Amino acid sequence: VVHNPGSNLLLGSGIAPVARMRRAGVCVALGTDSGSGGRASVLEQARLATLLTHLTDPDADRWLTARHALAM
């Protein structure tokens, strides 16, 4: 699965359950595309991916870390 958090936010297409997918063994990569609002920085996408897990899981122990995002 390729996660494009900036594009998802810009398009209002929802928040992918990335941490849950990773725990289930799904290989998740970060990507950028034209829907990222002109921000093609993969580091910005990693930052967004980590912050968005704060909204999808109330347990901070399961949030995506910077290390996880960079590995993606």
C-alpha atoms as a PDB file:
ATOM      1  CA  VAL A   1       0.000   0.000   0.000  1.00  0.00           C
ATOM      2  CA  VAL A   2       1.307   3.469  -0.820  1.00  0.00           C
ATOM      3  CA  HIS A   3       0.196   6.103   1.671  1.00  0.00           C
ATOM      4  CA  ASN A   4      -0.077   9.678   0.367  1.00  0.00           C
ATOM      5  CA  PRO A   5      -1.150  11.594   3.494  1.00  0.00           C
ATOM      6  CA  GLY A   6      -0.864  15.087   1.986  1.00  0.00           C
ATOM      7  CA  SER A   7      -2.975  14.108  -0.995  1.00  0.00           C
ATOM      8  CA  ASN A   8      -5.571  12.423   1.225  1.00  0.00           C
ATOM      9  CA  LEU A   9      -5.865  15.569   3.338  1.00  0.00           C
ATOM     10  CA  LEU A  10      -6.068  17.883   0.342  1.00  0.00           C
ATOM     11  CA  LEU A  11      -8.731  15.765  -1.349  1.00  0.00           C
ATOM     12  CA  GLY A  12     -10.636  15.017   1.857  1.00  0.00           C
ATOM     13  CA  SER A  13     -10.473  11.313   1.106  1.00  0.00           C
ATOM     14  CA  GLY A  14      -9.983  10.198   4.705  1.00  0.00           C
ATOM     15  CA  ILE A  15      -7.193   9.041   6.950  1.00  0.00           C
ATOM     16  CA  ALA A  16      -5.596   5.705   6.185  1.00  0.00           C
ATOM     17  CA  PRO A  17      -5.255   3.361   9.178  1.00  0.00           C
ATOM     18  CA  VAL A  18      -1.508   3.050   8.586  1.00  0.00           C
ATOM     19  CA  ALA A  19      -0.475   1.895  12.072  1.00  0.00           C
ATOM     20  CA  ARG A  20      -3.173  -0.781  12.052  1.00  0.00           C
ATOM     21  CA  MET A  21      -2.154  -1.939   8.564  1.00  0.00           C
ATOM     22  CA  ARG A  22       1.484  -2.202   9.620  1.00  0.00           C
ATOM     23  CA  ARG A  23       0.552  -4.203  12.733  1.00  0.00           C
ATOM     24  CA  ALA A  24      -1.378  -6.572  10.446  1.00  0.00           C
ATOM     25  CA  GLY A  25       1.773  -7.132   8.370  1.00  0.00           C
ATOM     26  CA  VAL A  26       0.820  -4.977   5.407  1.00  0.00           C
ATOM     27  CA  CYS A  27       3.822  -3.379   3.708  1.00  0.00           C
ATOM     28  CA  VAL A  28       3.127   0.380   3.647  1.00  0.00           C
ATOM     29  CA  ALA A  29       5.236   2.903   1.747  1.00  0.00           C
ATOM     30  CA  LEU A  30       5.033   6.685   1.696  1.00  0.00           C
ATOM     31  CA  GLY A  31       4.437   8.521  -1.517  1.00  0.00           C
ATOM     32  CA  THR A  32       3.801  11.925  -2.969  1.00  0.00           C
ATOM     33  CA  ASP A  33       1.698  12.797  -5.967  1.00  0.00           C
ATOM     34  CA  SER A  34       0.199  15.767  -7.725  1.00  0.00           C
ATOM     35  CA  GLY A  35      -2.548  15.819  -5.098  1.00  0.00           C
ATOM     36  CA  SER A  36      -0.024  16.722  -2.410  1.00  0.00           C
ATOM     37  CA  GLY A  37      -0.563  20.427  -2.994  1.00  0.00           C
ATOM     38  CA  GLY A  38       2.780  20.869  -4.746  1.00  0.00           C
ATOM     39  CA  ARG A  39       4.665  19.488  -1.744  1.00  0.00           C
ATOM     40  CA  ALA A  40       6.679  16.602  -3.066  1.00  0.00           C
ATOM     41  CA  SER A  41       8.808  16.296   0.082  1.00  0.00           C
ATOM     42  CA  VAL A  42       8.757  12.736   1.364  1.00  0.00           C
ATOM     43  CA  LEU A  43       9.898  14.092   4.751  1.00  0.00           C
ATOM     44  CA  GLU A  44       6.776  16.241   4.930  1.00  0.00           C
ATOM     45  CA  GLN A  45       4.697  13.183   4.069  1.00  0.00           C
ATOM     46  CA  ALA A  46       6.448  11.229   6.853  1.00  0.00           C
ATOM     47  CA  ARG A  47       5.624  14.011   9.315  1.00  0.00           C
ATOM     48  CA  LEU A  48       1.982  14.029   8.259  1.00  0.00           C
ATOM     49  CA  ALA A  49       1.776  10.237   8.437  1.00  0.00           C
ATOM     50  CA  THR A  50       3.004  10.216  12.033  1.00  0.00           C
ATOM     51  CA  LEU A  51       0.666  13.003  13.122  1.00  0.00           C
ATOM     52  CA  LEU A  52      -2.374  11.453  11.474  1.00  0.00           C
ATOM     53  CA  THR A  53      -2.002   8.252  13.504  1.00  0.00           C
ATOM     54  CA  HIS A  54      -2.753  10.391  16.566  1.00  0.00           C
ATOM     55  CA  LEU A  55      -6.265  10.797  15.168  1.00  0.00           C
ATOM     56  CA  THR A  56      -6.866   7.177  14.227  1.00  0.00           C
ATOM     57  CA  ASP A  57      -5.819   5.449  17.465  1.00  0.00           C
ATOM     58  CA  PRO A  58      -6.306   6.706  21.030  1.00  0.00           C
ATOM     59  CA  ASP A  59      -3.436   4.527  22.314  1.00  0.00           C
ATOM     60  CA  ALA A  60      -0.206   6.520  22.047  1.00  0.00           C
ATOM     61  CA  ASP A  61       1.818   3.300  22.268  1.00  0.00           C
ATOM     62  CA  ARG A  62       0.454   2.324  18.841  1.00  0.00           C
ATOM     63  CA  TRP A  63       1.102   5.636  17.096  1.00  0.00           C
ATOM     64  CA  LEU A  64       3.454   5.664  14.135  1.00  0.00           C
ATOM     65  CA  THR A  65       6.870   6.972  15.149  1.00  0.00           C
ATOM     66  CA  ALA A  66       9.286   9.002  13.076  1.00  0.00           C
ATOM     67  CA  ARG A  67      11.474   5.905  12.810  1.00  0.00           C
ATOM     68  CA  HIS A  68       8.544   3.899  11.403  1.00  0.00           C
ATOM     69  CA  ALA A  69       7.637   6.661   8.939  1.00  0.00           C
ATOM     70  CA  LEU A  70      11.204   6.981   7.671  1.00  0.00           C
ATOM     71  CA  ALA A  71      11.394   3.203   7.214  1.00  0.00           C
ATOM     72  CA  MET A  72       8.285   3.416   5.033  1.00  0.00           C
END
